[in-house]
Amino acid sequence: MIAIAAALSVSAAAAQTRTPIPTPAPQAAATPTVGAMLYDPQGIEAGTIDSIQPNAIIVSTGTAKVAVPTTAVGPGEKGLVVSLTKAQLNAAAAQAEQQAQAALQAQLVPGAQVRGANGTTVLGTVKSAGANIVLTTPKGDVSLAPSAFGMSPRGIIVGLTPEQFDAAVTGAQTGAAPAAASTATPAADAATQ
């Protein structure tokens, strides 16, 4: 028994005199979180994470927001790395916006239903599309700038709730349009109500 104890005491003494093995510095967080900075492959700031969806990470470059696949983001020396540069992200966002606008323009045809921002209430139907979009509504024809329209899973929408839209139409017809909805004006050819 004494021999075993002596051997253990020598091993303990030897362990105390050994140089500790350096542990690697902790790597920056590898889990994407909202607000985290993203770096491009060269280590240059590319943007921040605006939101996280099941199959995409929405990146804000400060100029635009663009969805990238979750597989395009991973750990790097400074933190999270996205596989694209800031310029490439901005170009992808511009291209996606052009495609979305083309898809919207293809839908803005006479007879198409237009819904409120909630996507459920039909506000009117497209009467004509040109420099402005003219909608036929229960209160008469209304002309809106093309920038007032967008797409939702339910179809064409305007960025106003049904209540805001109604107030804007009423205000435009009486000449007192609310500031938040000043894009709605009666169509020049709208004499019917």
Protein backbone atom coordinates (compact mmCIF):
# COMPACT_ATOMS: atom_id res chain seq x y z
CA MET A 1 0.00 0.00 0.00
CA ILE A 2 2.80 2.41 0.76
CA ALA A 3 4.26 2.04 -2.73
CA ILE A 4 0.96 2.99 -4.34
CA ALA A 5 0.61 6.03 -2.10
CA ALA A 6 4.17 7.14 -2.93
CA ALA A 7 3.51 6.78 -6.66
CA LEU A 8 0.33 8.81 -6.36
CA SER A 9 2.11 11.54 -4.45
CA VAL A 10 4.84 11.74 -7.13
CA SER A 11 2.19 11.97 -9.86
CA ALA A 12 0.37 14.73 -7.99
CA ALA A 13 3.61 16.67 -7.56
CA ALA A 14 4.46 16.26 -11.24
CA ALA A 15 1.00 17.46 -12.24
CA GLN A 16 1.49 20.63 -10.20
CA THR A 17 4.71 21.53 -12.02
CA ARG A 18 3.46 20.94 -15.57
CA THR A 19 2.74 23.88 -17.82
CA PRO A 20 -1.02 24.22 -18.32
CA ILE A 21 -2.31 23.61 -21.82
CA PRO A 22 -3.61 26.89 -23.24
CA THR A 23 -7.32 26.92 -23.92
CA PRO A 24 -8.43 28.56 -27.12
CA ALA A 25 -10.07 31.95 -26.84
CA PRO A 26 -13.82 31.66 -27.01
CA GLN A 27 -15.06 32.23 -30.54
CA ALA A 28 -17.63 34.95 -31.10
CA ALA A 29 -21.23 33.81 -30.86
CA ALA A 30 -22.10 31.43 -33.68
CA THR A 31 -25.84 31.55 -33.13
CA PRO A 32 -27.65 34.20 -35.14
CA THR A 33 -29.62 36.62 -32.98
CA VAL A 34 -31.60 39.73 -33.88
CA GLY A 35 -29.32 42.77 -33.79
CA ALA A 36 -26.10 40.78 -34.25
CA MET A 37 -23.49 42.25 -36.59
CA LEU A 38 -22.67 40.24 -39.71
CA TYR A 39 -19.31 40.40 -41.41
CA ASP A 40 -18.50 39.58 -45.01
CA PRO A 41 -15.88 36.93 -45.91
CA GLN A 42 -13.13 39.60 -45.71
CA GLY A 43 -14.17 40.57 -42.17
CA ILE A 44 -15.82 43.86 -43.17
CA GLU A 45 -19.16 44.80 -41.62
CA ALA A 46 -21.97 43.76 -43.98
CA GLY A 47 -25.08 44.46 -41.91
CA THR A 48 -27.09 43.41 -38.89
CA ILE A 49 -29.69 40.72 -38.38
CA ASP A 50 -33.10 42.37 -38.60
CA SER A 51 -35.16 39.23 -38.05
CA ILE A 52 -34.90 35.47 -38.22
CA GLN A 53 -37.34 33.26 -40.10
CA PRO A 54 -37.35 29.46 -40.30
CA ASN A 55 -35.39 29.30 -43.57
CA ALA A 56 -34.00 32.82 -43.91
CA ILE A 57 -32.24 35.55 -42.02
CA ILE A 58 -33.30 39.11 -42.84
CA VAL A 59 -30.19 41.28 -43.04
CA SER A 60 -30.31 45.07 -42.80
CA THR A 61 -27.39 46.76 -44.53
CA GLY A 62 -28.51 50.21 -43.45
CA THR A 63 -29.64 50.83 -47.01
CA ALA A 64 -31.84 47.82 -47.63
CA LYS A 65 -33.16 44.64 -46.09
CA VAL A 66 -32.59 41.31 -47.81
CA ALA A 67 -33.38 37.69 -46.96
CA VAL A 68 -30.47 35.26 -47.09
CA PRO A 69 -30.69 31.51 -46.50
CA THR A 70 -29.78 30.45 -42.96
CA THR A 71 -27.00 28.38 -44.51
CA ALA A 72 -25.34 31.60 -45.78
CA VAL A 73 -24.53 32.68 -42.21
CA GLY A 74 -21.97 30.99 -39.97
CA PRO A 75 -19.25 31.61 -37.39
CA GLY A 76 -16.09 33.57 -38.17
CA GLU A 77 -13.16 35.19 -36.39
CA LYS A 78 -14.96 38.47 -35.59
CA GLY A 79 -18.44 36.99 -35.19
CA LEU A 80 -21.08 35.85 -37.62
CA VAL A 81 -20.12 35.84 -41.30
CA VAL A 82 -22.51 36.14 -44.22
CA SER A 83 -21.31 34.75 -47.54
CA LEU A 84 -21.99 38.02 -49.40
CA THR A 85 -20.48 41.49 -49.27
CA LYS A 86 -22.55 44.52 -48.33
CA ALA A 87 -22.62 45.59 -52.00
CA GLN A 88 -23.86 42.13 -53.04
CA LEU A 89 -26.56 42.23 -50.32
CA ASN A 90 -27.72 45.68 -51.52
CA ALA A 91 -27.76 44.46 -55.14
CA ALA A 92 -29.80 41.39 -54.14
CA ALA A 93 -32.28 43.62 -52.29
CA ALA A 94 -32.61 45.92 -55.32
CA GLN A 95 -33.19 42.95 -57.61
CA ALA A 96 -35.81 41.47 -55.25
CA GLU A 97 -37.59 44.87 -55.09
CA GLN A 98 -37.63 45.10 -58.91
CA GLN A 99 -39.11 41.60 -59.14
CA ALA A 100 -41.74 42.40 -56.49
CA GLN A 101 -42.72 45.62 -58.29
CA ALA A 102 -42.99 43.77 -61.61
CA ALA A 103 -45.21 41.12 -59.97
CA LEU A 104 -47.37 43.85 -58.42
CA GLN A 105 -47.71 45.74 -61.72
CA ALA A 106 -48.80 42.52 -63.42
CA GLN A 107 -51.61 42.20 -60.84
CA LEU A 108 -52.83 45.82 -61.04
CA VAL A 109 -55.31 45.20 -63.84
CA PRO A 110 -58.93 46.32 -64.19
CA GLY A 111 -61.22 44.23 -61.99
CA ALA A 112 -58.53 43.16 -59.51
CA GLN A 113 -59.64 43.38 -55.90
CA VAL A 114 -57.65 45.62 -53.54
CA ARG A 115 -57.65 44.92 -49.82
CA GLY A 116 -56.77 46.97 -46.75
CA ALA A 117 -53.51 46.55 -44.86
CA ASN A 118 -55.06 43.71 -42.85
CA GLY A 119 -55.35 41.72 -46.10
CA THR A 120 -58.96 40.68 -45.47
CA THR A 121 -61.29 43.60 -46.18
CA VAL A 122 -61.83 44.40 -49.87
CA LEU A 123 -61.68 48.19 -50.28
CA GLY A 124 -62.41 48.33 -53.99
CA THR A 125 -61.46 47.08 -57.42
CA VAL A 126 -58.97 48.43 -59.92
CA LYS A 127 -60.73 50.52 -62.55
CA SER A 128 -57.62 51.60 -64.44
CA ALA A 129 -53.86 51.57 -64.04
CA GLY A 130 -51.50 54.20 -65.38
CA ALA A 131 -49.54 56.99 -63.72
CA ASN A 132 -52.02 56.52 -60.85
CA ILE A 133 -54.20 53.56 -59.99
CA VAL A 134 -57.93 54.32 -59.99
CA LEU A 135 -60.04 52.20 -57.65
CA THR A 136 -63.80 51.88 -57.74
CA THR A 137 -65.01 51.94 -54.13
CA PRO A 138 -68.43 52.15 -52.47
CA LYS A 139 -67.81 55.90 -52.03
CA GLY A 140 -66.80 56.50 -55.64
CA ASP A 141 -63.62 56.30 -57.67
CA VAL A 142 -60.35 57.04 -55.90
CA SER A 143 -56.94 57.66 -57.42
CA LEU A 144 -53.84 56.41 -55.60
CA ALA A 145 -50.15 56.58 -56.36
CA PRO A 146 -48.66 53.21 -57.38
CA SER A 147 -46.39 53.39 -54.31
CA ALA A 148 -49.51 52.99 -52.10
CA PHE A 149 -49.89 49.37 -53.24
CA GLY A 150 -48.17 46.18 -52.21
CA MET A 151 -48.69 42.43 -52.30
CA SER A 152 -49.73 40.09 -49.53
CA PRO A 153 -50.52 36.40 -49.57
CA ARG A 154 -54.17 37.39 -50.11
CA GLY A 155 -53.43 39.66 -53.10
CA ILE A 156 -53.09 43.40 -53.68
CA ILE A 157 -53.19 45.64 -50.60
CA VAL A 158 -52.87 49.32 -49.77
CA GLY A 159 -50.97 50.42 -46.68
CA LEU A 160 -54.10 51.63 -44.88
CA THR A 161 -56.58 49.87 -42.65
CA PRO A 162 -60.18 49.97 -43.88
CA GLU A 163 -60.91 52.73 -41.36
CA GLN A 164 -57.93 54.82 -42.48
CA PHE A 165 -58.86 54.30 -46.13
CA ASP A 166 -62.46 55.36 -45.49
CA ALA A 167 -61.28 58.48 -43.63
CA ALA A 168 -58.85 59.32 -46.44
CA VAL A 169 -61.54 58.97 -49.10
CA THR A 170 -64.00 61.04 -47.08
CA GLY A 171 -61.34 63.65 -46.41
CA ALA A 172 -60.30 63.80 -50.06
CA GLN A 173 -63.90 64.22 -51.16
CA THR A 174 -64.42 67.08 -48.70
CA GLY A 175 -60.98 68.60 -49.25
CA ALA A 176 -59.75 67.78 -45.73
CA ALA A 177 -57.69 64.63 -46.21
CA PRO A 178 -55.94 63.43 -43.03
CA ALA A 179 -52.16 63.85 -43.22
CA ALA A 180 -51.50 60.11 -42.77
CA ALA A 181 -53.64 59.24 -45.76
CA SER A 182 -53.09 62.16 -48.10
CA THR A 183 -52.26 59.88 -51.06
CA ALA A 184 -55.96 59.15 -51.61
CA THR A 185 -57.71 61.69 -53.81
CA PRO A 186 -60.90 61.48 -55.83
CA ALA A 187 -60.27 60.46 -59.40
CA ALA A 188 -60.63 63.27 -61.87
CA ASP A 189 -63.26 61.34 -63.76
CA ALA A 190 -65.20 60.29 -60.64
CA ALA A 191 -68.58 61.95 -60.71
CA THR A 192 -70.44 58.89 -59.47
CA GLN A 193 -70.77 57.90 -55.84
